[in-house]
Protein backbone atom coordinates (compact mmCIF):
# COMPACT_ATOMS: atom_id res chain seq x y z
CA GLN A 1 -14.64 -2.37 10.51
CA VAL A 2 -12.18 -0.39 8.64
CA LEU A 3 -9.03 -2.59 10.84
CA THR A 4 -10.46 -5.39 10.33
CA ALA A 5 -11.06 -4.96 6.12
CA ASN A 6 -7.48 -3.36 5.98
CA VAL A 7 -5.12 -4.78 8.38
CA THR A 8 -6.43 -8.32 8.93
CA GLY A 9 -7.52 -8.77 5.60
CA SER A 10 -3.47 -7.62 4.76
CA PHE A 11 -2.67 -10.21 7.21
CA LEU A 12 -4.30 -13.47 5.94
CA CYS A 13 -3.93 -12.82 2.56
CA ALA A 14 -0.15 -12.10 3.09
CA ARG A 15 -0.07 -15.36 5.20
CA GLU A 16 -1.62 -17.54 2.89
CA ALA A 17 0.60 -16.09 -0.23
CA MET A 18 3.51 -16.65 1.88
CA ARG A 19 2.62 -20.37 2.84
CA ARG A 20 2.58 -21.22 -1.50
CA MET A 21 5.62 -18.52 -2.31
CA ALA A 22 8.00 -19.22 0.58
CA LYS A 23 10.73 -22.03 -0.55
CA SER A 24 10.81 -23.77 2.72
CA ARG A 25 7.26 -25.06 1.84
CA GLY A 26 8.54 -25.58 -1.87
CA GLY A 27 6.96 -22.47 -3.90
CA LYS A 28 9.41 -20.33 -6.16
CA GLY A 29 9.20 -16.72 -4.48
CA GLY A 30 7.83 -14.33 -5.36
CA VAL A 31 6.16 -10.55 -4.51
CA ILE A 32 3.80 -9.43 -1.92
CA VAL A 33 2.86 -5.61 -3.02
CA ASN A 34 -0.14 -4.46 0.23
CA LEU A 35 -1.98 -1.35 -0.24
CA SER A 36 -1.42 1.06 2.58
CA SER A 37 -1.91 5.32 1.75
CA LEU A 38 -0.49 8.33 2.39
CA ALA A 39 -3.22 8.71 5.14
CA ALA A 40 -0.65 6.79 7.42
CA ARG A 41 1.84 9.61 7.23
CA ILE A 42 -0.29 12.26 7.13
CA GLY A 43 -3.11 11.11 9.83
CA GLY A 44 -5.96 10.72 7.86
CA GLY A 45 -5.44 14.58 6.32
CA MET A 46 -8.12 15.74 8.57
CA GLU A 47 -10.74 13.27 8.07
CA TRP A 48 -10.55 9.52 8.75
CA VAL A 49 -8.26 8.96 10.89
CA HIS A 50 -9.50 5.46 12.22
CA TYR A 51 -8.40 4.93 7.83
CA GLY A 52 -5.15 6.50 8.30
CA ALA A 53 -4.31 4.45 11.83
CA SER A 54 -5.59 0.89 10.23
CA LYS A 55 -2.88 2.54 6.63
CA GLY A 56 0.50 2.91 9.84
CA ALA A 57 -0.40 -0.81 10.81
CA ILE A 58 0.23 -1.80 7.12
CA ASP A 59 3.18 0.02 6.67
CA THR A 60 4.26 -1.08 9.68
CA PHE A 61 3.38 -4.99 8.71
CA THR A 62 5.20 -4.38 5.17
CA ARG A 63 8.28 -3.66 6.78
CA GLY A 64 8.34 -6.55 9.93
CA LEU A 65 7.15 -9.26 6.66
CA ALA A 66 9.99 -7.84 4.50
CA ARG A 67 12.44 -9.28 7.30
CA GLU A 68 11.14 -12.52 7.51
CA ALA A 69 9.62 -13.22 3.78
CA GLY A 70 13.34 -12.03 2.40
CA GLU A 71 14.76 -15.26 2.83
CA GLU A 72 12.31 -17.13 1.70
CA GLY A 73 12.62 -15.76 -1.85
CA VAL A 74 9.43 -12.93 -1.05
CA ARG A 75 10.06 -9.54 -1.65
CA VAL A 76 7.31 -7.24 -0.10
CA ALA A 77 6.59 -3.62 -0.44
CA ALA A 78 3.14 -1.41 -0.39
CA VAL A 79 2.15 1.18 -2.87
CA ALA A 80 0.62 4.31 -0.43
CA PRO A 81 -1.48 6.02 -2.78
CA GLY A 82 -2.25 9.47 -2.10
CA LEU A 83 -5.67 11.96 -3.27
CA ILE A 84 -7.51 9.21 -5.60
CA ASP A 85 -10.30 10.03 -8.03
CA THR A 86 -12.35 7.47 -6.43
CA ASP A 87 -15.74 7.15 -5.18
CA MET A 88 -14.00 6.80 -1.60
CA GLY A 89 -11.95 9.48 -2.53
CA SER A 90 -14.42 12.19 -3.77
CA GLN A 91 -16.97 11.27 -1.02
CA GLY A 92 -18.02 14.48 0.38
CA GLY A 93 -16.95 16.82 -1.96
CA ARG A 94 -13.74 15.23 -0.49
CA MET A 95 -11.54 15.76 -4.07
CA LEU A 96 -12.62 19.16 -4.69
CA ARG A 97 -11.84 19.95 -0.42
CA MET A 98 -8.07 18.58 -0.50
CA VAL A 99 -6.66 18.83 -3.91
CA GLN A 100 -5.34 22.30 -3.22
CA THR A 101 -2.86 20.06 -0.69
CA VAL A 102 -1.63 18.35 -3.79
CA PRO A 103 1.50 19.98 -4.96
CA LEU A 104 1.21 18.63 -8.72
CA GLY A 105 -2.04 20.71 -8.07
CA ARG A 106 -5.03 17.40 -9.25
CA GLY A 107 -5.91 14.44 -7.74
CA GLY A 108 -5.23 10.90 -8.91
CA GLU A 109 -6.03 8.42 -11.46
CA PRO A 110 -6.34 4.79 -10.23
CA PRO A 111 -4.42 3.70 -13.34
CA GLU A 112 -1.57 5.69 -12.11
CA VAL A 113 -1.71 3.61 -8.55
CA ALA A 114 -2.32 0.12 -10.66
CA GLU A 115 0.95 0.90 -12.46
CA ALA A 116 3.09 1.60 -9.31
CA VAL A 117 1.90 -1.99 -8.41
CA VAL A 118 2.27 -3.72 -11.73
CA TRP A 119 5.89 -2.68 -11.38
CA LEU A 120 6.65 -3.14 -7.89
CA LEU A 121 5.63 -7.03 -9.31
CA SER A 122 8.26 -6.78 -11.64
CA PRO A 123 12.18 -7.75 -12.11
CA ALA A 124 12.70 -4.04 -12.65
CA ALA A 125 11.84 -3.88 -8.99
CA SER A 126 14.03 -6.60 -8.13
CA TYR A 127 15.98 -4.58 -5.21
CA VAL A 128 13.18 -3.38 -4.15
CA HIS A 129 12.20 -4.80 -0.66
CA GLY A 130 10.50 -3.08 2.94
CA ALA A 131 9.31 0.30 0.56
CA ILE A 132 6.78 2.49 0.84
CA LEU A 133 6.23 3.41 -2.44
CA GLU A 134 4.02 7.18 -2.08
CA VAL A 135 2.03 7.43 -5.14
CA GLY A 136 0.89 11.04 -4.51
CA GLY A 137 1.76 13.76 -5.98
CA GLY A 138 4.42 15.52 -3.93
CA ARG A 139 1.36 15.78 -1.14
């Protein structure tokens, strides 16, 4: 289920976005921002290895799609949140157990992740392509 949601879901969304944005199909170009996780780099943080593996696939997909999509006028990047104060991040006391692994000493807030996505979508990030932007408090 995790792989279906995170990997297959991202592939299908990107396929449909490319169909609409690709210059060769009459589109005007655009930006695709995938959602990864620091779990891709740290292997799930002692938990959720399957989740980390699915996000590792997103990192590889992001870099590969960027190589294909650039000539179509589509930039591709990803945001990789770390420990974020959400229902998932706090599940089973995870936030309390893991917060000491964050150099900034706290979990992140969802708006902090959203701002990174907004920036990647903006003209201010017009040369950011194939990048994985970590939003994890230094973890």
